[in-house]
């Protein structure tokens, strides 16, 4: 009888103190990629779940701040299968790019300063600073450890859709105009 009491007390102790609940949150996401054109009208910020953890999609009320703006997530992610997933925030200018993956959350133009800024995700869960955005319109800052390095812009949303930021239409229009003018010149 004494043995069954000891086993019962030990089992009760393990049940009350030895088993910790699974912690579900948002904190395993971090800033993974940052893109802006020079004017700040086309910007996106890509977050990435870094630890392979599910149940990290409780974003409602979480903030993302730059040196000049704060975005408060208005809702949780669509589901809690979050392991290694991405979350994409983009401006209206970004959303207007044909074929670009849809942003999961909208942010205002000039959310961060293209000349350099800092981002604070999740009340300090992730802090990152970067200098002026790359001048090449196809490149972004990509996360490499605790710093940002120049790489190809490859925005990816929560649904797993990925893409690239195309050259601005004005560049293509200028190239076409130059080709037409050169062709006319040769005809003379």
C-alpha atoms as a PDB file:
ATOM      1  CA  UNK A   1       0.000   0.000   0.000  1.00  0.00           C
ATOM      2  CA  UNK A   2       2.818   2.357   0.885  1.00  0.00           C
ATOM      3  CA  UNK A   3       4.423   1.702  -2.497  1.00  0.00           C
ATOM      4  CA  UNK A   4       1.219   2.587  -4.382  1.00  0.00           C
ATOM      5  CA  UNK A   5       0.995   5.882  -2.459  1.00  0.00           C
ATOM      6  CA  UNK A   6       4.588   6.771  -3.394  1.00  0.00           C
ATOM      7  CA  UNK A   7       3.945   5.867  -7.060  1.00  0.00           C
ATOM      8  CA  UNK A   8       0.704   7.889  -7.009  1.00  0.00           C
ATOM      9  CA  UNK A   9       2.397  10.948  -5.476  1.00  0.00           C
ATOM     10  CA  UNK A  10       5.258  10.684  -7.985  1.00  0.00           C
ATOM     11  CA  UNK A  11       2.796  10.416 -10.879  1.00  0.00           C
ATOM     12  CA  UNK A  12       0.840  13.411  -9.596  1.00  0.00           C
ATOM     13  CA  UNK A  13       4.039  15.438  -9.212  1.00  0.00           C
ATOM     14  CA  UNK A  14       5.110  14.574 -12.788  1.00  0.00           C
ATOM     15  CA  UNK A  15       1.684  15.505 -14.078  1.00  0.00           C
ATOM     16  CA  UNK A  16       1.643  18.867 -12.318  1.00  0.00           C
ATOM     17  CA  UNK A  17       5.297  19.905 -12.556  1.00  0.00           C
ATOM     18  CA  UNK A  18       7.154  17.616 -14.920  1.00  0.00           C
ATOM     19  CA  UNK A  19       5.156  18.159 -18.088  1.00  0.00           C
ATOM     20  CA  UNK A  20       5.420  21.572 -19.685  1.00  0.00           C
ATOM     21  CA  UNK A  21       2.794  22.735 -22.198  1.00  0.00           C
ATOM     22  CA  UNK A  22       3.864  23.269 -25.778  1.00  0.00           C
ATOM     23  CA  UNK A  23       4.531  26.948 -26.331  1.00  0.00           C
ATOM     24  CA  UNK A  24       2.846  28.347 -29.414  1.00  0.00           C
ATOM     25  CA  UNK A  25       3.659  31.845 -30.498  1.00  0.00           C
ATOM     26  CA  UNK A  26       5.255  33.899 -33.288  1.00  0.00           C
ATOM     27  CA  UNK A  27       8.823  34.336 -32.077  1.00  0.00           C
ATOM     28  CA  UNK A  28      10.598  31.807 -34.313  1.00  0.00           C
ATOM     29  CA  UNK A  29       9.932  34.011 -37.358  1.00  0.00           C
ATOM     30  CA  UNK A  30      12.515  36.623 -38.321  1.00  0.00           C
ATOM     31  CA  UNK A  31      13.266  39.085 -41.100  1.00  0.00           C
ATOM     32  CA  UNK A  32      14.686  37.126 -44.032  1.00  0.00           C
ATOM     33  CA  UNK A  33      14.611  39.488 -47.016  1.00  0.00           C
ATOM     34  CA  UNK A  34      14.107  43.236 -47.553  1.00  0.00           C
ATOM     35  CA  UNK A  35      13.494  44.955 -50.892  1.00  0.00           C
ATOM     36  CA  UNK A  36      12.816  48.524 -51.953  1.00  0.00           C
ATOM     37  CA  UNK A  37      13.027  50.618 -55.064  1.00  0.00           C
ATOM     38  CA  UNK A  38      14.803  53.967 -54.644  1.00  0.00           C
ATOM     39  CA  UNK A  39      11.582  55.912 -54.041  1.00  0.00           C
ATOM     40  CA  UNK A  40      10.204  53.467 -51.446  1.00  0.00           C
ATOM     41  CA  UNK A  41       6.946  52.941 -53.330  1.00  0.00           C
ATOM     42  CA  UNK A  42       7.732  49.300 -54.100  1.00  0.00           C
ATOM     43  CA  UNK A  43       8.817  47.493 -50.942  1.00  0.00           C
ATOM     44  CA  UNK A  44       8.484  44.053 -49.450  1.00  0.00           C
ATOM     45  CA  UNK A  45       9.654  42.396 -46.265  1.00  0.00           C
ATOM     46  CA  UNK A  46       9.832  38.624 -46.075  1.00  0.00           C
ATOM     47  CA  UNK A  47       9.748  36.843 -42.718  1.00  0.00           C
ATOM     48  CA  UNK A  48      10.901  33.227 -42.335  1.00  0.00           C
ATOM     49  CA  UNK A  49      10.200  30.637 -39.644  1.00  0.00           C
ATOM     50  CA  UNK A  50      13.771  29.706 -38.738  1.00  0.00           C
ATOM     51  CA  UNK A  51      13.532  26.703 -36.413  1.00  0.00           C
ATOM     52  CA  UNK A  52      11.210  24.290 -38.226  1.00  0.00           C
ATOM     53  CA  UNK A  53       8.442  24.824 -35.674  1.00  0.00           C
ATOM     54  CA  UNK A  54       4.701  24.576 -36.189  1.00  0.00           C
ATOM     55  CA  UNK A  55       2.172  26.569 -34.140  1.00  0.00           C
ATOM     56  CA  UNK A  56       4.107  29.839 -34.568  1.00  0.00           C
ATOM     57  CA  UNK A  57       1.366  31.660 -36.482  1.00  0.00           C
ATOM     58  CA  UNK A  58      -0.196  33.678 -33.670  1.00  0.00           C
ATOM     59  CA  UNK A  59       0.543  37.062 -35.263  1.00  0.00           C
ATOM     60  CA  UNK A  60      -2.570  39.026 -34.217  1.00  0.00           C
ATOM     61  CA  UNK A  61      -1.315  42.110 -32.328  1.00  0.00           C
ATOM     62  CA  UNK A  62       2.391  41.438 -33.015  1.00  0.00           C
ATOM     63  CA  UNK A  63       4.315  44.428 -34.385  1.00  0.00           C
ATOM     64  CA  UNK A  64       6.941  45.059 -37.035  1.00  0.00           C
ATOM     65  CA  UNK A  65       8.621  48.445 -36.718  1.00  0.00           C
ATOM     66  CA  UNK A  66      11.095  50.419 -38.759  1.00  0.00           C
ATOM     67  CA  UNK A  67      12.771  53.608 -37.570  1.00  0.00           C
ATOM     68  CA  UNK A  68       9.738  55.574 -38.767  1.00  0.00           C
ATOM     69  CA  UNK A  69       6.706  53.243 -38.903  1.00  0.00           C
ATOM     70  CA  UNK A  70       4.919  50.489 -37.020  1.00  0.00           C
ATOM     71  CA  UNK A  71       2.774  47.757 -38.531  1.00  0.00           C
ATOM     72  CA  UNK A  72       0.534  45.743 -36.217  1.00  0.00           C
ATOM     73  CA  UNK A  73      -0.535  42.393 -37.637  1.00  0.00           C
ATOM     74  CA  UNK A  74      -4.355  42.412 -37.787  1.00  0.00           C
ATOM     75  CA  UNK A  75      -4.766  38.632 -37.702  1.00  0.00           C
ATOM     76  CA  UNK A  76      -3.076  35.301 -37.165  1.00  0.00           C
ATOM     77  CA  UNK A  77      -1.651  33.305 -40.056  1.00  0.00           C
ATOM     78  CA  UNK A  78      -4.212  31.202 -41.985  1.00  0.00           C
ATOM     79  CA  UNK A  79      -3.072  27.984 -40.305  1.00  0.00           C
ATOM     80  CA  UNK A  80      -0.558  26.755 -37.763  1.00  0.00           C
ATOM     81  CA  UNK A  81       1.543  24.636 -40.147  1.00  0.00           C
ATOM     82  CA  UNK A  82       4.329  27.194 -39.957  1.00  0.00           C
ATOM     83  CA  UNK A  83       7.540  25.129 -40.024  1.00  0.00           C
ATOM     84  CA  UNK A  84      10.016  26.728 -42.449  1.00  0.00           C
ATOM     85  CA  UNK A  85       7.280  28.909 -43.986  1.00  0.00           C
ATOM     86  CA  UNK A  86       7.517  32.507 -45.159  1.00  0.00           C
ATOM     87  CA  UNK A  87       5.277  35.521 -44.538  1.00  0.00           C
ATOM     88  CA  UNK A  88       5.325  38.353 -47.071  1.00  0.00           C
ATOM     89  CA  UNK A  89       4.472  41.991 -46.393  1.00  0.00           C
ATOM     90  CA  UNK A  90       4.269  44.342 -49.379  1.00  0.00           C
ATOM     91  CA  UNK A  91       3.303  47.847 -50.432  1.00  0.00           C
ATOM     92  CA  UNK A  92       0.575  48.662 -52.979  1.00  0.00           C
ATOM     93  CA  UNK A  93       3.354  49.315 -55.506  1.00  0.00           C
ATOM     94  CA  UNK A  94       4.644  45.791 -54.923  1.00  0.00           C
ATOM     95  CA  UNK A  95       1.126  44.359 -55.264  1.00  0.00           C
ATOM     96  CA  UNK A  96       0.791  46.065 -58.678  1.00  0.00           C
ATOM     97  CA  UNK A  97       3.751  44.147 -60.150  1.00  0.00           C
ATOM     98  CA  UNK A  98       2.343  41.617 -62.646  1.00  0.00           C
ATOM     99  CA  UNK A  99       3.132  38.050 -61.593  1.00  0.00           C
ATOM    100  CA  UNK A 100       4.577  38.934 -58.188  1.00  0.00           C
ATOM    101  CA  UNK A 101       3.482  36.576 -55.383  1.00  0.00           C
ATOM    102  CA  UNK A 102       0.648  38.123 -53.395  1.00  0.00           C
ATOM    103  CA  UNK A 103       1.650  39.695 -50.104  1.00  0.00           C
ATOM    104  CA  UNK A 104       0.146  38.131 -46.982  1.00  0.00           C
ATOM    105  CA  UNK A 105      -0.139  41.555 -45.322  1.00  0.00           C
ATOM    106  CA  UNK A 106      -0.108  45.098 -46.803  1.00  0.00           C
ATOM    107  CA  UNK A 107       2.300  47.761 -45.542  1.00  0.00           C
ATOM    108  CA  UNK A 108       2.333  51.457 -46.506  1.00  0.00           C
ATOM    109  CA  UNK A 109       4.777  52.880 -49.054  1.00  0.00           C
ATOM    110  CA  UNK A 110       8.053  53.987 -47.504  1.00  0.00           C
ATOM    111  CA  UNK A 111       7.534  51.666 -44.551  1.00  0.00           C
ATOM    112  CA  UNK A 112      11.298  51.604 -44.184  1.00  0.00           C
ATOM    113  CA  UNK A 113      13.897  54.042 -45.440  1.00  0.00           C
ATOM    114  CA  UNK A 114      15.592  52.817 -48.660  1.00  0.00           C
ATOM    115  CA  UNK A 115      18.733  54.721 -47.610  1.00  0.00           C
ATOM    116  CA  UNK A 116      19.110  52.397 -44.583  1.00  0.00           C
ATOM    117  CA  UNK A 117      16.971  51.434 -41.616  1.00  0.00           C
ATOM    118  CA  UNK A 118      16.400  48.955 -38.802  1.00  0.00           C
ATOM    119  CA  UNK A 119      13.537  46.487 -38.429  1.00  0.00           C
ATOM    120  CA  UNK A 120      12.229  45.131 -35.135  1.00  0.00           C
ATOM    121  CA  UNK A 121       9.904  42.148 -35.456  1.00  0.00           C
ATOM    122  CA  UNK A 122       7.860  40.710 -32.615  1.00  0.00           C
ATOM    123  CA  UNK A 123       8.709  43.068 -29.751  1.00  0.00           C
ATOM    124  CA  UNK A 124      12.422  42.364 -30.091  1.00  0.00           C
ATOM    125  CA  UNK A 125      12.225  38.720 -31.193  1.00  0.00           C
ATOM    126  CA  UNK A 126      14.295  39.759 -34.207  1.00  0.00           C
ATOM    127  CA  UNK A 127      16.261  42.957 -34.784  1.00  0.00           C
ATOM    128  CA  UNK A 128      18.110  43.684 -38.027  1.00  0.00           C
ATOM    129  CA  UNK A 129      19.720  46.779 -39.567  1.00  0.00           C
ATOM    130  CA  UNK A 130      20.746  47.408 -43.153  1.00  0.00           C
ATOM    131  CA  UNK A 131      22.362  50.117 -45.254  1.00  0.00           C
ATOM    132  CA  UNK A 132      21.062  51.587 -48.525  1.00  0.00           C
ATOM    133  CA  UNK A 133      19.130  49.121 -50.654  1.00  0.00           C
ATOM    134  CA  UNK A 134      20.892  47.703 -53.722  1.00  0.00           C
ATOM    135  CA  UNK A 135      20.724  49.945 -56.815  1.00  0.00           C
ATOM    136  CA  UNK A 136      19.996  46.955 -59.071  1.00  0.00           C
ATOM    137  CA  UNK A 137      16.212  46.615 -59.178  1.00  0.00           C
ATOM    138  CA  UNK A 138      16.387  42.800 -59.139  1.00  0.00           C
ATOM    139  CA  UNK A 139      18.394  42.570 -55.905  1.00  0.00           C
ATOM    140  CA  UNK A 140      17.422  42.702 -52.259  1.00  0.00           C
ATOM    141  CA  UNK A 141      19.012  42.293 -48.876  1.00  0.00           C
ATOM    142  CA  UNK A 142      18.958  38.653 -47.778  1.00  0.00           C
ATOM    143  CA  UNK A 143      19.572  37.387 -44.255  1.00  0.00           C
ATOM    144  CA  UNK A 144      22.939  35.818 -43.598  1.00  0.00           C
ATOM    145  CA  UNK A 145      23.283  35.116 -39.893  1.00  0.00           C
ATOM    146  CA  UNK A 146      22.966  38.405 -38.044  1.00  0.00           C
ATOM    147  CA  UNK A 147      23.535  40.647 -41.071  1.00  0.00           C
ATOM    148  CA  UNK A 148      22.018  41.404 -44.455  1.00  0.00           C
ATOM    149  CA  UNK A 149      23.867  40.733 -47.721  1.00  0.00           C
ATOM    150  CA  UNK A 150      22.998  41.632 -51.294  1.00  0.00           C
ATOM    151  CA  UNK A 151      21.312  38.825 -53.215  1.00  0.00           C
ATOM    152  CA  UNK A 152      18.586  38.164 -55.738  1.00  0.00           C
ATOM    153  CA  UNK A 153      15.105  39.305 -54.806  1.00  0.00           C
ATOM    154  CA  UNK A 154      12.922  36.226 -54.397  1.00  0.00           C
ATOM    155  CA  UNK A 155       9.779  37.150 -52.450  1.00  0.00           C
ATOM    156  CA  UNK A 156       7.878  34.132 -51.085  1.00  0.00           C
ATOM    157  CA  UNK A 157       4.482  34.215 -49.379  1.00  0.00           C
ATOM    158  CA  UNK A 158       2.856  31.924 -46.804  1.00  0.00           C
ATOM    159  CA  UNK A 159       1.232  29.817 -49.548  1.00  0.00           C
ATOM    160  CA  UNK A 160       4.737  29.051 -50.884  1.00  0.00           C
ATOM    161  CA  UNK A 161       4.385  31.134 -54.056  1.00  0.00           C
ATOM    162  CA  UNK A 162       7.723  32.633 -55.006  1.00  0.00           C
ATOM    163  CA  UNK A 163       8.830  35.002 -57.703  1.00  0.00           C
ATOM    164  CA  UNK A 164      11.203  37.745 -58.681  1.00  0.00           C
ATOM    165  CA  UNK A 165      10.885  41.484 -58.935  1.00  0.00           C
ATOM    166  CA  UNK A 166      11.070  42.298 -62.656  1.00  0.00           C
ATOM    167  CA  UNK A 167      12.954  45.215 -64.128  1.00  0.00           C
ATOM    168  CA  UNK A 168      10.820  48.334 -63.922  1.00  0.00           C
ATOM    169  CA  UNK A 169       8.661  48.951 -66.998  1.00  0.00           C
ATOM    170  CA  UNK A 170      10.368  52.313 -67.496  1.00  0.00           C
ATOM    171  CA  UNK A 171      13.707  50.565 -68.105  1.00  0.00           C
ATOM    172  CA  UNK A 172      12.145  48.354 -70.768  1.00  0.00           C
ATOM    173  CA  UNK A 173      10.420  51.372 -72.315  1.00  0.00           C
ATOM    174  CA  UNK A 174      13.697  53.301 -72.411  1.00  0.00           C
ATOM    175  CA  UNK A 175      15.484  50.382 -74.054  1.00  0.00           C
ATOM    176  CA  UNK A 176      12.700  50.067 -76.633  1.00  0.00           C
ATOM    177  CA  UNK A 177      12.773  53.824 -77.338  1.00  0.00           C
ATOM    178  CA  UNK A 178      16.553  53.746 -77.753  1.00  0.00           C
ATOM    179  CA  UNK A 179      16.306  50.786 -80.148  1.00  0.00           C
ATOM    180  CA  UNK A 180      13.696  52.616 -82.254  1.00  0.00           C
ATOM    181  CA  UNK A 181      15.773  55.799 -82.369  1.00  0.00           C
ATOM    182  CA  UNK A 182      18.923  53.896 -83.321  1.00  0.00           C
ATOM    183  CA  UNK A 183      16.988  52.073 -86.042  1.00  0.00           C
ATOM    184  CA  UNK A 184      15.710  55.367 -87.455  1.00  0.00           C
ATOM    185  CA  UNK A 185      19.221  56.781 -87.422  1.00  0.00           C
ATOM    186  CA  UNK A 186      20.548  53.854 -89.458  1.00  0.00           C
ATOM    187  CA  UNK A 187      17.764  54.298 -92.032  1.00  0.00           C
ATOM    188  CA  UNK A 188      18.942  57.826 -92.867  1.00  0.00           C
END
